[in-house]
Protein backbone atom coordinates (compact mmCIF):
# COMPACT_ATOMS: atom_id res chain seq x y z
CA UNK A 1 208.09 77.55 52.58
CA UNK A 2 207.07 79.91 55.43
CA UNK A 3 207.08 79.97 59.39
CA UNK A 4 203.84 79.85 61.29
CA UNK A 5 204.49 83.33 62.43
CA UNK A 6 204.76 84.95 58.91
CA UNK A 7 202.16 82.21 57.35
CA UNK A 8 199.84 83.46 60.26
CA UNK A 9 200.56 87.67 59.54
CA UNK A 10 199.80 87.32 55.79
CA UNK A 11 196.68 85.63 56.36
CA UNK A 12 196.01 88.55 57.94
CA UNK A 13 197.10 91.00 55.89
CA UNK A 14 197.11 90.01 51.67
CA UNK A 15 197.00 85.86 50.95
CA UNK A 16 199.36 83.09 50.71
CA UNK A 17 198.61 79.66 49.77
CA UNK A 18 198.96 76.49 52.60
CA UNK A 19 198.86 72.70 50.93
CA UNK A 20 197.22 70.06 52.32
CA UNK A 21 195.06 66.73 51.57
CA UNK A 22 191.69 65.64 52.03
CA UNK A 23 190.08 61.96 51.87
CA UNK A 24 187.17 61.71 48.90
CA UNK A 25 184.73 59.61 48.22
CA UNK A 26 183.61 60.02 44.52
CA UNK A 27 180.84 58.74 43.89
CA UNK A 28 178.98 57.81 40.60
CA UNK A 29 176.63 56.47 38.90
CA UNK A 30 172.85 56.49 37.70
CA UNK A 31 171.26 56.28 41.71
CA UNK A 32 173.89 57.82 43.25
CA UNK A 33 172.50 60.98 43.85
CA UNK A 34 168.89 59.42 45.35
CA UNK A 35 171.19 57.25 47.20
CA UNK A 36 172.94 60.49 49.18
CA UNK A 37 169.92 61.59 49.60
CA UNK A 38 168.27 59.44 51.68
CA UNK A 39 172.09 59.08 53.59
CA UNK A 40 172.90 62.67 54.14
CA UNK A 41 171.58 65.76 55.98
CA UNK A 42 171.58 68.25 52.77
CA UNK A 43 169.50 68.19 49.99
CA UNK A 44 171.51 66.11 47.88
CA UNK A 45 169.05 66.08 44.85
CA UNK A 46 168.86 70.03 44.72
CA UNK A 47 172.93 70.65 45.24
CA UNK A 48 173.59 72.85 41.18
CA UNK A 49 176.30 71.02 39.16
CA UNK A 50 179.35 73.32 40.93
CA UNK A 51 177.98 73.30 43.82
CA UNK A 52 179.34 72.72 47.71
CA UNK A 53 177.28 71.81 50.94
CA UNK A 54 178.44 71.40 54.49
CA UNK A 55 176.39 68.23 55.68
CA UNK A 56 176.23 65.27 58.19
CA UNK A 57 176.57 61.49 57.76
CA UNK A 58 174.62 60.70 60.93
CA UNK A 59 174.09 57.18 63.12
CA UNK A 60 170.85 55.84 62.87
CA UNK A 61 170.42 57.40 66.28
CA UNK A 62 171.75 60.94 65.06
CA UNK A 63 174.85 61.00 66.15
CA UNK A 64 178.49 62.28 64.31
CA UNK A 65 179.41 59.09 61.54
CA UNK A 66 180.97 62.46 59.67
CA UNK A 67 181.03 65.74 58.43
CA UNK A 68 181.46 66.47 54.99
CA UNK A 69 181.43 68.67 52.01
CA UNK A 70 179.30 67.56 48.68
CA UNK A 71 180.51 68.64 45.62
CA UNK A 72 178.32 67.95 42.53
CA UNK A 73 180.76 67.11 39.91
CA UNK A 74 177.91 66.27 37.16
CA UNK A 75 174.80 64.90 37.00
CA UNK A 76 176.06 61.06 38.27
CA UNK A 77 178.97 62.20 40.15
CA UNK A 78 179.65 63.89 43.38
CA UNK A 79 182.14 64.34 45.16
CA UNK A 80 182.01 63.77 49.30
CA UNK A 81 185.70 65.40 50.95
CA UNK A 82 186.03 65.00 54.87
CA UNK A 83 189.55 65.44 57.30
CA UNK A 84 192.02 63.23 56.27
CA UNK A 85 192.11 59.65 57.78
CA UNK A 86 188.67 59.71 57.81
CA UNK A 87 187.24 58.85 54.73
CA UNK A 88 187.77 54.94 55.08
CA UNK A 89 185.06 54.64 58.18
CA UNK A 90 183.04 57.39 56.10
CA UNK A 91 182.92 54.89 53.35
CA UNK A 92 182.37 51.95 55.18
CA UNK A 93 179.58 53.71 56.87
CA UNK A 94 177.42 54.42 53.33
CA UNK A 95 178.32 50.91 52.10
CA UNK A 96 176.62 49.36 55.26
CA UNK A 97 173.47 50.12 53.28
CA UNK A 98 173.56 50.59 50.62
CA UNK A 99 171.42 47.59 48.93
CA UNK A 100 170.54 47.31 45.02
CA UNK A 101 171.51 50.21 44.10
CA UNK A 102 173.07 51.07 40.90
CA UNK A 103 175.86 53.58 42.30
CA UNK A 104 179.58 53.14 42.92
CA UNK A 105 182.03 54.72 45.72
CA UNK A 106 185.57 54.87 45.81
CA UNK A 107 188.19 56.68 48.30
CA UNK A 108 191.08 58.91 47.28
CA UNK A 109 193.95 61.11 48.73
CA UNK A 110 193.51 64.14 46.84
CA UNK A 111 195.82 67.85 47.72
CA UNK A 112 194.00 70.49 48.56
CA UNK A 113 195.56 73.92 48.78
CA UNK A 114 193.83 76.66 50.95
CA UNK A 115 194.11 80.23 49.89
CA UNK A 116 193.69 82.99 52.94
CA UNK A 117 193.43 86.14 53.44
CA UNK A 118 191.73 89.46 52.17
CA UNK A 119 193.66 89.68 48.72
CA UNK A 120 192.57 85.24 48.27
CA UNK A 121 189.97 86.43 45.21
CA UNK A 122 192.90 88.27 43.90
CA UNK A 123 194.84 84.97 44.85
CA UNK A 124 192.30 83.06 42.46
CA UNK A 125 193.53 84.89 39.38
CA UNK A 126 197.16 83.98 40.02
CA UNK A 127 196.06 80.67 39.65
CA UNK A 128 194.58 81.41 36.02
CA UNK A 129 191.19 80.04 37.74
CA UNK A 130 188.19 81.76 39.26
CA UNK A 131 186.86 81.59 42.90
CA UNK A 132 183.28 80.61 42.39
CA UNK A 133 181.94 76.95 41.15
CA UNK A 134 183.34 76.27 38.38
CA UNK A 135 184.80 72.61 37.55
CA UNK A 136 187.44 71.26 35.15
CA UNK A 137 189.51 68.09 35.03
CA UNK A 138 191.83 68.66 37.77
CA UNK A 139 190.75 70.72 39.94
CA UNK A 140 187.92 72.33 42.09
CA UNK A 141 187.00 75.35 43.90
CA UNK A 142 185.14 75.06 46.87
CA UNK A 143 184.16 77.16 50.27
CA UNK A 144 185.90 76.54 52.65
CA UNK A 145 184.54 74.49 55.79
CA UNK A 146 185.00 76.95 58.33
CA UNK A 147 182.18 80.43 59.13
CA UNK A 148 184.33 83.07 58.77
CA UNK A 149 187.02 82.31 56.79
CA UNK A 150 188.04 84.34 54.10
CA UNK A 151 189.83 82.14 51.01
CA UNK A 152 188.78 79.46 49.03
CA UNK A 153 189.80 76.07 49.04
CA UNK A 154 191.19 74.52 45.63
CA UNK A 155 190.47 70.29 45.71
CA UNK A 156 192.11 67.89 42.78
CA UNK A 157 195.33 66.37 41.60
CA UNK A 158 196.36 69.06 39.48
CA UNK A 159 195.61 72.11 43.15
CA UNK A 160 199.63 71.80 43.94
CA UNK A 161 200.74 72.18 40.48
CA UNK A 162 198.54 75.28 40.27
CA UNK A 163 200.10 76.69 43.54
CA UNK A 164 203.26 76.19 42.55
CA UNK A 165 203.13 78.04 39.13
CA UNK A 166 201.56 81.03 41.59
CA UNK A 167 203.30 83.64 43.25
CA UNK A 168 200.79 82.82 46.08
CA UNK A 169 203.85 82.43 49.39
CA UNK A 170 203.37 78.51 50.36
CA UNK A 171 202.76 79.09 54.30
CA UNK A 172 202.73 76.36 57.03
CA UNK A 173 199.96 73.93 56.91
CA UNK A 174 199.97 74.71 60.99
CA UNK A 175 198.55 78.03 60.61
CA UNK A 176 194.96 76.51 59.26
CA UNK A 177 194.67 74.69 62.98
CA UNK A 178 194.72 78.26 64.42
CA UNK A 179 192.72 79.64 62.35
CA UNK A 180 190.25 76.24 62.82
CA UNK A 181 190.60 76.68 66.38
CA UNK A 182 189.79 80.44 65.85
CA UNK A 183 186.86 80.35 64.37
CA UNK A 184 185.67 77.16 66.56
CA UNK A 185 185.54 74.65 63.53
CA UNK A 186 184.84 71.53 64.80
CA UNK A 187 187.25 68.77 63.21
CA UNK A 188 186.97 65.14 63.52
CA UNK A 189 188.25 62.95 65.93
CA UNK A 190 188.68 65.75 67.89
CA UNK A 191 185.58 67.83 67.97
CA UNK A 192 183.33 65.34 66.20
CA UNK A 193 183.04 61.03 66.82
CA UNK A 194 180.66 58.85 67.15
CA UNK A 195 179.36 60.15 70.51
CA UNK A 196 178.54 63.21 69.44
CA UNK A 197 175.41 64.95 69.21
CA UNK A 198 175.42 67.91 66.05
CA UNK A 199 173.39 70.77 68.12
CA UNK A 200 176.42 70.64 70.47
CA UNK A 201 179.30 71.41 67.44
CA UNK A 202 176.65 74.25 66.01
CA UNK A 203 177.02 72.22 62.76
CA UNK A 204 173.56 71.93 62.06
CA UNK A 205 172.36 75.55 60.80
CA UNK A 206 174.76 74.90 58.56
CA UNK A 207 174.83 71.31 57.16
CA UNK A 208 171.00 70.62 57.22
CA UNK A 209 168.14 71.11 54.83
CA UNK A 210 164.78 71.00 57.17
CA UNK A 211 162.57 71.02 53.98
CA UNK A 212 163.84 67.70 52.49
CA UNK A 213 162.62 64.01 53.29
CA UNK A 214 163.78 61.87 55.58
CA UNK A 215 167.48 60.20 55.71
CA UNK A 216 169.08 57.97 58.45
CA UNK A 217 169.58 59.76 61.68
CA UNK A 218 166.92 62.18 61.06
CA UNK A 219 164.64 62.18 64.05
CA UNK A 220 167.21 63.17 67.11
CA UNK A 221 168.71 66.52 64.96
CA UNK A 222 164.85 66.81 64.10
CA UNK A 223 163.29 66.86 67.81
CA UNK A 224 166.36 69.23 69.33
CA UNK A 225 165.06 71.81 66.34
CA UNK A 226 161.49 71.68 66.80
CA UNK A 227 161.81 71.69 70.57
CA UNK A 228 164.61 74.12 71.06
CA UNK A 229 166.33 72.25 73.72
CA UNK A 230 170.19 72.65 74.70
CA UNK A 231 172.36 69.41 74.31
CA UNK A 232 174.06 68.25 77.53
CA UNK A 233 177.18 70.01 76.14
CA UNK A 234 178.60 72.82 74.13
CA UNK A 235 181.35 73.20 72.14
CA UNK A 236 183.14 76.85 73.61
CA UNK A 237 186.78 78.42 72.92
CA UNK A 238 189.10 79.10 74.98
CA UNK A 239 191.77 81.79 75.34
CA UNK A 240 194.76 81.00 77.89
CA UNK A 241 195.96 83.49 79.78
CA UNK A 242 199.57 81.16 78.91
CA UNK A 243 201.07 78.22 77.37
CA UNK A 244 200.40 75.15 78.39
CA UNK A 245 203.93 74.25 78.24
CA UNK A 246 206.87 76.43 78.73
CA UNK A 247 208.45 75.42 75.64
CA UNK A 248 208.09 77.86 73.29
CA UNK A 249 208.52 75.52 70.43
CA UNK A 250 206.09 73.54 71.74
CA UNK A 251 202.97 74.74 69.48
CA UNK A 252 200.85 71.92 69.62
CA UNK A 253 199.48 70.39 72.89
CA UNK A 254 197.83 67.76 73.70
CA UNK A 255 194.82 68.88 74.87
CA UNK A 256 193.80 64.49 75.52
CA UNK A 257 192.66 64.38 79.27
CA UNK A 258 192.90 68.02 79.85
CA UNK A 259 189.42 68.72 82.09
CA UNK A 260 188.58 72.75 83.01
CA UNK A 261 187.48 72.85 86.49
CA UNK A 262 184.99 76.37 87.36
CA UNK A 263 184.90 77.04 90.84
CA UNK A 264 185.98 73.65 91.39
CA UNK A 265 184.30 71.80 89.64
CA UNK A 266 184.42 70.29 86.45
CA UNK A 267 182.83 71.23 83.79
CA UNK A 268 184.18 69.96 80.24
CA UNK A 269 187.08 69.07 78.73
CA UNK A 270 189.30 70.26 76.08
CA UNK A 271 189.30 69.16 72.61
CA UNK A 272 191.70 71.01 70.76
CA UNK A 273 194.88 73.39 71.30
CA UNK A 274 197.68 75.45 70.04
CA UNK A 275 199.95 77.77 71.10
CA UNK A 276 199.71 81.11 68.67
CA UNK A 277 202.78 82.89 67.69
CA UNK A 278 200.05 85.93 66.87
CA UNK A 279 196.69 84.96 69.06
CA UNK A 280 198.31 83.33 71.54
CA UNK A 281 197.49 79.83 73.77
CA UNK A 282 194.36 79.07 71.90
CA UNK A 283 191.62 75.87 72.28
CA UNK A 284 188.63 74.40 72.13
CA UNK A 285 186.46 72.29 74.61
CA UNK A 286 183.25 70.98 75.63
CA UNK A 287 181.32 72.24 77.80
CA UNK A 288 178.53 71.50 80.63
CA UNK A 289 175.11 73.08 79.82
CA UNK A 290 174.48 75.73 82.17
CA UNK A 291 178.00 77.52 82.42
CA UNK A 292 177.89 81.00 81.37
CA UNK A 293 180.64 82.61 78.67
CA UNK A 294 182.44 84.94 79.10
CA UNK A 295 183.70 83.21 82.06
CA UNK A 296 187.20 82.43 84.33
CA UNK A 297 187.98 79.08 84.58
CA UNK A 298 191.35 76.46 85.08
CA UNK A 299 192.08 73.95 82.82
CA UNK A 300 194.22 70.79 84.56
CA UNK A 301 195.54 66.90 83.37
CA UNK A 302 194.42 63.34 85.13
CA UNK A 303 197.19 62.19 87.18
CA UNK A 304 195.80 58.69 87.71
CA UNK A 305 193.11 58.87 89.49
CA UNK A 306 194.33 62.91 91.40
CA UNK A 307 193.64 65.76 89.55
CA UNK A 308 196.86 67.79 88.50
CA UNK A 309 196.86 71.41 88.51
CA UNK A 310 198.22 73.35 85.55
CA UNK A 311 198.68 76.92 86.68
CA UNK A 312 196.78 77.88 83.50
CA UNK A 313 193.62 80.58 83.40
CA UNK A 314 191.53 80.54 80.78
CA UNK A 315 188.33 82.38 79.48
CA UNK A 316 185.80 80.83 77.88
CA UNK A 317 184.76 82.40 74.97
CA UNK A 318 181.63 81.90 72.84
CA UNK A 319 182.35 80.79 68.83
CA UNK A 320 182.52 83.40 66.64
CA UNK A 321 180.09 83.27 63.49
CA UNK A 322 177.90 80.95 64.80
């Protein structure tokens, strides 16, 4: 397996395969589609067999319970895949409103191979599959969740063996974190949780069908969209002048508790951070309404009740591809 630097280089120049896992909720049964249609923000019933779409699973108050990639596998079969470790909570939420519905939902943990790079389409040929929404019994080829990503994902029990038989270089999983942060793709547990308003994370346009009927949590999403109001906070990118740690091997930093200050006033909080060997220290943060980007800021962490300054200058950046 390649190291992180080599993986990032190949991702920028050709194609690389990166192995990971996703939690998948498999939904089957004659009422599965109609039930999901009333629970998710996308037009579930309008999805063609083989198509995928990003969708939101919301609380009745309109906050994020889960951000999901949905794929229709058949007339009565769907896969809902989500960041690893968050499938159980999403399944519990889906079961909460299921009453007299002829559908079965079960949680799976499946391998996912992310093929990335400008030559990713050629990589698909080496896997003896087609980079479309083609489905067989073992793998599903799905578009990536992040906007601006060059490549595709192979999800299913046969994904790992398909890549092992190909001539694609096998990359470092942490390179996907670099990609995610640089493109501003939120992750469950970092940028998305039960307190998140979807519009603040910038995922509404990609994840909501405003022409469908009602679904749980619709009111808040529709009200913000129709009135054109801004949310109290907005996700933005960070480019730091130097790493948060002096340890060169510390590529992934804990962002918990790190606060952003501008003119000695707290303006936000860091949610994700990585010291990329190619792109330098990058991160994501939620900033308060009214803060202009790009803008220079500082980052610090709390030590007891007193703020502890870290001598790092950074630039707040707008998220690309939004």
